[in-house]
Amino acid sequence: MSKIAVEKIREFRAEAKFQRSSPQKAKLVLDTIKGMRVEQALNTVHFSTKRMGPVVEKALRSAIQNATYASQEQGLDIDVDNLYVRTAVANDGPRMKRIRPAPMGRAFHYQRRLTHIIVTVAEKKPATAVVAIMPEPEAITKTSTKPVAKKSAAKKAPAKKAPAKKTVAKKAATKKAATKKATK
């Protein structure tokens, strides 16, 4: 068996823990930037109208800084322009139990939710160029020109039947019977 060398994709992550918002609201912002290039994601989050926008932007900038720092320290060749948002996750943090006063001396219990935001960026490798070699035009004309049998005919779904139509004779017979009964 031959061994295939697989290049490991380097990921750089940043976490923003214990943020004062529910994970559901944070996911609305994070879902918009998943898979985007870093520059485009920063613009999207910066101009977002959601309250979690600045928090996600801060975590994204931190992940980018982690990538540049690691590239300098470890001597990696990482191009910041090729970074994209690989994952963006909002996990549920601990819940703070609170009590709200209610009428007639009662109390309503509610929970203040916290969120852990994790943003991961990775470098998108440029696609290797594949050169397709086209045969010469003379070679194309010299090939055999046998007709190719259609194989799709066997796989076709059966045709639907048209709805049955009433014949004119039946309609005429019912009209004659109706007129005979009416005359008697």
Protein backbone atom coordinates (compact mmCIF):
# COMPACT_ATOMS: atom_id res chain seq x y z
CA MET A 1 0.00 0.00 0.00
CA SER A 2 1.23 3.47 -0.78
CA LYS A 3 0.97 6.21 1.79
CA ILE A 4 -0.58 9.46 0.72
CA ALA A 5 0.77 12.61 2.31
CA VAL A 6 -2.07 14.71 3.64
CA GLU A 7 -1.29 18.30 4.51
CA LYS A 8 -2.87 19.34 7.79
CA ILE A 9 -4.87 22.54 7.67
CA ARG A 10 -3.82 24.96 10.39
CA GLU A 11 -6.67 26.48 12.36
CA PHE A 12 -6.52 29.49 14.65
CA ARG A 13 -9.27 30.12 17.14
CA ALA A 14 -10.48 32.71 19.59
CA GLU A 15 -13.06 32.42 22.33
CA ALA A 16 -15.29 35.02 23.95
CA LYS A 17 -16.70 33.43 27.07
CA PHE A 18 -19.54 34.45 29.38
CA GLN A 19 -21.14 36.94 27.00
CA ARG A 20 -24.42 38.41 28.24
CA SER A 21 -26.72 37.25 25.49
CA SER A 22 -28.52 34.07 24.59
CA PRO A 23 -26.82 31.62 22.21
CA GLN A 24 -29.79 31.86 19.84
CA LYS A 25 -29.19 35.59 19.31
CA ALA A 26 -25.44 35.09 18.86
CA LYS A 27 -26.01 32.35 16.27
CA LEU A 28 -27.95 34.80 14.09
CA VAL A 29 -24.76 36.84 13.65
CA LEU A 30 -22.38 33.87 13.47
CA ASP A 31 -24.36 32.11 10.74
CA THR A 32 -23.94 35.13 8.47
CA ILE A 33 -20.12 34.95 8.54
CA LYS A 34 -19.50 31.18 8.31
CA GLY A 35 -17.39 30.32 5.29
CA MET A 36 -16.68 33.96 4.38
CA ARG A 37 -13.28 35.44 3.75
CA VAL A 38 -12.00 37.26 6.82
CA GLU A 39 -12.11 40.74 5.29
CA GLN A 40 -15.69 40.30 4.10
CA ALA A 41 -16.72 38.79 7.45
CA LEU A 42 -15.30 41.77 9.33
CA ASN A 43 -17.29 44.17 7.16
CA THR A 44 -20.46 42.14 7.59
CA VAL A 45 -20.16 42.00 11.38
CA HIS A 46 -19.06 45.63 11.70
CA PHE A 47 -22.19 46.89 9.94
CA SER A 48 -24.53 44.38 11.56
CA THR A 49 -27.51 45.85 13.41
CA LYS A 50 -27.51 43.07 16.01
CA ARG A 51 -26.24 43.76 19.52
CA MET A 52 -23.88 40.77 19.35
CA GLY A 53 -22.12 42.24 16.29
CA PRO A 54 -19.31 44.03 18.18
CA VAL A 55 -18.68 40.99 20.39
CA VAL A 56 -18.37 38.67 17.38
CA GLU A 57 -16.16 41.24 15.62
CA LYS A 58 -13.83 41.34 18.61
CA ALA A 59 -13.57 37.53 18.68
CA LEU A 60 -12.93 37.44 14.91
CA ARG A 61 -10.19 40.07 15.15
CA SER A 62 -8.64 38.07 18.00
CA ALA A 63 -8.60 34.91 15.86
CA ILE A 64 -6.87 36.82 13.05
CA GLN A 65 -4.27 38.16 15.49
CA ASN A 66 -3.71 34.64 16.79
CA ALA A 67 -3.00 33.54 13.22
CA THR A 68 -0.48 36.33 12.58
CA TYR A 69 1.21 35.76 15.94
CA ALA A 70 1.55 32.03 15.34
CA SER A 71 2.92 32.61 11.86
CA GLN A 72 5.62 34.93 13.26
CA GLU A 73 6.51 32.76 16.26
CA GLN A 74 6.52 29.38 14.54
CA GLY A 75 7.86 30.61 11.23
CA LEU A 76 4.76 29.51 9.32
CA ASP A 77 3.99 30.99 5.95
CA ILE A 78 0.42 32.21 6.48
CA ASP A 79 -1.19 34.77 4.21
CA VAL A 80 -3.80 36.78 6.12
CA ASP A 81 -5.57 37.60 2.85
CA ASN A 82 -6.31 33.88 2.31
CA LEU A 83 -7.89 33.35 5.74
CA TYR A 84 -11.57 32.45 5.96
CA VAL A 85 -13.98 31.76 8.81
CA ARG A 86 -13.98 27.99 9.14
CA THR A 87 -16.30 27.64 12.12
CA ALA A 88 -18.31 30.08 14.21
CA VAL A 89 -20.13 28.53 17.16
CA ALA A 90 -22.18 29.91 20.05
CA ASN A 91 -22.36 27.46 22.94
CA ASP A 92 -24.61 27.69 25.95
CA GLY A 93 -22.89 29.03 29.06
CA PRO A 94 -24.11 28.90 32.66
CA ARG A 95 -27.51 30.35 33.45
CA MET A 96 -28.15 32.89 36.15
CA LYS A 97 -31.39 32.23 38.02
CA ARG A 98 -33.34 35.37 38.81
CA ILE A 99 -36.68 36.25 40.41
CA ARG A 100 -39.08 38.95 39.23
CA PRO A 101 -41.75 40.29 41.59
CA ALA A 102 -45.27 39.39 40.56
CA PRO A 103 -48.70 40.56 41.66
CA MET A 104 -50.24 39.57 44.97
CA GLY A 105 -46.90 38.80 46.62
CA ARG A 106 -45.88 36.07 44.18
CA ALA A 107 -42.58 35.72 42.32
CA PHE A 108 -41.81 34.70 38.74
CA HIS A 109 -38.59 32.79 38.10
CA TYR A 110 -36.57 33.43 34.96
CA GLN A 111 -33.06 32.70 33.68
CA ARG A 112 -30.41 35.04 32.27
CA ARG A 113 -28.52 33.09 29.62
CA LEU A 114 -24.79 33.39 28.92
CA THR A 115 -22.94 32.44 25.74
CA HIS A 116 -19.48 31.11 24.85
CA ILE A 117 -18.53 32.21 21.34
CA ILE A 118 -15.82 30.30 19.44
CA VAL A 119 -14.52 31.59 16.10
CA THR A 120 -12.04 29.54 14.08
CA VAL A 121 -10.17 30.82 11.02
CA ALA A 122 -8.07 28.78 8.60
CA GLU A 123 -6.06 29.45 5.48
CA LYS A 124 -7.71 28.60 2.19
CA LYS A 125 -5.18 26.96 -0.08
CA PRO A 126 -5.25 28.14 -3.69
CA ALA A 127 -6.57 25.50 -6.05
CA THR A 128 -3.95 23.84 -8.20
CA ALA A 129 -4.38 24.64 -11.85
CA VAL A 130 -5.40 21.66 -13.97
CA VAL A 131 -4.56 21.99 -17.64
CA ALA A 132 -6.87 20.09 -19.94
CA ILE A 133 -5.24 18.95 -23.16
CA MET A 134 -7.65 19.12 -26.05
CA PRO A 135 -7.12 16.71 -28.98
CA GLU A 136 -6.38 18.21 -32.34
CA PRO A 137 -9.38 18.95 -34.59
CA GLU A 138 -8.23 16.36 -37.14
CA ALA A 139 -8.32 13.64 -34.47
CA ILE A 140 -11.87 14.53 -33.55
CA THR A 141 -13.19 14.18 -37.10
CA LYS A 142 -11.48 10.81 -37.64
CA THR A 143 -13.22 9.10 -34.73
CA SER A 144 -16.01 6.66 -35.42
CA THR A 145 -19.49 8.06 -35.79
CA LYS A 146 -21.57 5.11 -34.60
CA PRO A 147 -24.96 6.09 -33.24
CA VAL A 148 -25.15 5.72 -29.50
CA ALA A 149 -28.13 3.76 -28.17
CA LYS A 150 -30.25 5.61 -25.68
CA LYS A 151 -30.02 3.95 -22.28
CA SER A 152 -32.36 6.38 -20.56
CA ALA A 153 -35.47 4.81 -22.15
CA ALA A 154 -35.35 1.87 -19.72
CA LYS A 155 -35.16 4.18 -16.70
CA LYS A 156 -38.09 6.43 -17.64
CA ALA A 157 -41.05 6.49 -15.29
CA PRO A 158 -44.29 5.10 -16.70
CA ALA A 159 -46.53 7.72 -18.27
CA LYS A 160 -49.62 8.75 -16.31
CA LYS A 161 -52.96 7.79 -17.74
CA ALA A 162 -55.34 10.53 -18.79
CA PRO A 163 -58.58 10.65 -16.82
CA ALA A 164 -61.41 8.65 -18.36
CA LYS A 165 -63.91 10.75 -20.35
CA LYS A 166 -67.64 10.11 -20.49
CA THR A 167 -68.86 9.17 -23.92
CA VAL A 168 -71.45 11.22 -25.74
CA ALA A 169 -73.75 8.18 -26.10
CA LYS A 170 -74.11 7.81 -22.33
CA LYS A 171 -74.96 11.48 -21.92
CA ALA A 172 -77.54 11.31 -24.69
CA ALA A 173 -79.12 8.18 -23.20
CA THR A 174 -79.52 9.79 -19.81
CA LYS A 175 -81.16 12.86 -21.36
CA LYS A 176 -83.68 10.68 -23.26
CA ALA A 177 -84.54 8.77 -20.10
CA ALA A 178 -85.08 12.03 -18.24
CA THR A 179 -87.45 13.36 -20.94
CA LYS A 180 -89.51 10.10 -20.95
CA LYS A 181 -90.02 10.31 -17.19
CA ALA A 182 -91.01 13.94 -17.43
CA THR A 183 -93.67 13.23 -20.13
CA LYS A 184 -95.38 10.46 -18.13
